[in-house]
């Protein structure tokens, strides 16, 4: 393959990568923009017997990541409909493992 062909392939790959990143940022931004402002992570922690303060005290950086995951989550309607039982959120919540660690036995 010639140098021109390699350069064209690399450029095409770079353009595709940039478009994927732009799309991901736009989708996340749209989810945040149309949100009602509630942080469902705090509600989920309370339903499971924990508190947001407890989460940040135990694992601050992971809690910050959990907040970001919650803000950009595509399953907010399922979260709102969830009954609050001890089981079931694992099927839709990207923070289920984090919540279990924070509210689990110590």
Protein backbone atom coordinates (compact mmCIF):
# COMPACT_ATOMS: atom_id res chain seq x y z
CA UNK A 1 0.00 0.00 0.00
CA UNK A 2 1.37 3.40 -0.88
CA UNK A 3 2.06 6.19 1.58
CA UNK A 4 -0.93 8.11 0.23
CA UNK A 5 -3.20 5.14 0.87
CA UNK A 6 -1.91 4.69 4.41
CA UNK A 7 -2.31 8.41 5.13
CA UNK A 8 -5.84 8.42 3.72
CA UNK A 9 -6.79 5.39 5.83
CA UNK A 10 -5.33 6.97 8.98
CA UNK A 11 -7.14 10.24 8.26
CA UNK A 12 -10.43 8.42 7.69
CA UNK A 13 -9.99 6.55 10.98
CA UNK A 14 -9.26 9.80 12.79
CA UNK A 15 -12.33 11.48 11.31
CA UNK A 16 -14.52 8.56 12.37
CA UNK A 17 -13.04 8.64 15.88
CA UNK A 18 -13.72 12.38 16.17
CA UNK A 19 -17.32 11.91 15.01
CA UNK A 20 -17.87 9.12 17.56
CA UNK A 21 -16.53 11.33 20.35
CA UNK A 22 -18.66 14.29 19.24
CA UNK A 23 -21.75 12.06 19.09
CA UNK A 24 -21.09 10.67 22.58
CA UNK A 25 -20.66 14.16 24.02
CA UNK A 26 -23.84 15.40 22.33
CA UNK A 27 -25.88 12.44 23.58
CA UNK A 28 -24.60 12.86 27.14
CA UNK A 29 -25.20 16.61 26.97
CA UNK A 30 -28.75 16.10 25.70
CA UNK A 31 -29.53 13.70 28.55
CA UNK A 32 -28.23 16.22 31.08
CA UNK A 33 -30.00 19.16 29.42
CA UNK A 34 -33.44 17.56 29.31
CA UNK A 35 -33.12 16.17 32.84
CA UNK A 36 -35.40 17.40 35.60
CA UNK A 37 -32.46 18.23 37.87
CA UNK A 38 -32.92 15.42 40.38
CA UNK A 39 -29.91 13.32 41.21
CA UNK A 40 -31.40 9.86 41.28
CA UNK A 41 -28.21 8.44 42.78
CA UNK A 42 -29.02 10.21 46.06
CA UNK A 43 -32.55 8.81 45.97
CA UNK A 44 -31.27 5.30 45.24
CA UNK A 45 -28.80 5.51 48.12
CA UNK A 46 -31.55 6.62 50.51
CA UNK A 47 -33.87 3.83 49.32
CA UNK A 48 -31.14 1.32 50.12
CA UNK A 49 -30.40 2.77 53.57
CA UNK A 50 -27.42 4.99 52.74
CA UNK A 51 -26.76 8.68 52.24
CA UNK A 52 -24.84 10.70 49.66
CA UNK A 53 -22.52 11.95 52.43
CA UNK A 54 -21.77 8.37 53.41
CA UNK A 55 -20.91 7.56 49.80
CA UNK A 56 -18.46 10.45 49.51
CA UNK A 57 -16.92 9.69 52.90
CA UNK A 58 -16.28 6.05 51.95
CA UNK A 59 -15.09 6.53 48.39
CA UNK A 60 -14.97 10.12 47.13
CA UNK A 61 -13.56 9.57 43.64
CA UNK A 62 -15.84 6.61 42.93
CA UNK A 63 -18.78 8.67 44.19
CA UNK A 64 -17.90 11.44 41.74
CA UNK A 65 -17.82 8.89 38.92
CA UNK A 66 -21.17 7.52 40.10
CA UNK A 67 -22.67 11.03 39.99
CA UNK A 68 -21.47 11.44 36.40
CA UNK A 69 -22.88 8.04 35.41
CA UNK A 70 -26.19 8.98 37.01
CA UNK A 71 -26.35 12.35 35.24
CA UNK A 72 -25.81 10.78 31.82
CA UNK A 73 -27.86 7.63 32.42
CA UNK A 74 -30.34 6.50 29.78
CA UNK A 75 -32.50 4.62 32.31
CA UNK A 76 -33.92 7.48 34.39
CA UNK A 77 -37.53 6.49 33.67
CA UNK A 78 -36.86 2.96 34.95
CA UNK A 79 -35.20 4.44 38.01
CA UNK A 80 -38.29 6.57 38.70
CA UNK A 81 -40.59 3.55 38.33
CA UNK A 82 -38.49 1.23 40.48
CA UNK A 83 -40.28 0.17 43.65
CA UNK A 84 -37.28 0.61 45.93
CA UNK A 85 -36.98 -3.01 46.93
CA UNK A 86 -33.57 -4.37 47.82
CA UNK A 87 -33.27 -6.19 44.50
CA UNK A 88 -33.96 -5.39 40.88
CA UNK A 89 -32.01 -2.23 40.23
CA UNK A 90 -29.09 -4.34 38.99
CA UNK A 91 -30.93 -4.82 35.70
CA UNK A 92 -30.90 -1.13 34.75
CA UNK A 93 -28.75 0.96 37.11
CA UNK A 94 -25.13 1.58 36.07
CA UNK A 95 -24.36 2.39 39.72
CA UNK A 96 -25.86 -0.76 41.26
CA UNK A 97 -22.46 -2.15 42.32
CA UNK A 98 -21.41 1.18 43.80
CA UNK A 99 -24.67 1.51 45.75
CA UNK A 100 -24.32 -2.05 47.04
CA UNK A 101 -20.77 -1.31 48.27
CA UNK A 102 -21.88 1.87 50.05
CA UNK A 103 -25.02 0.46 51.65
CA UNK A 104 -23.83 -3.10 52.17
CA UNK A 105 -22.74 -4.64 55.46
CA UNK A 106 -19.69 -3.07 57.05
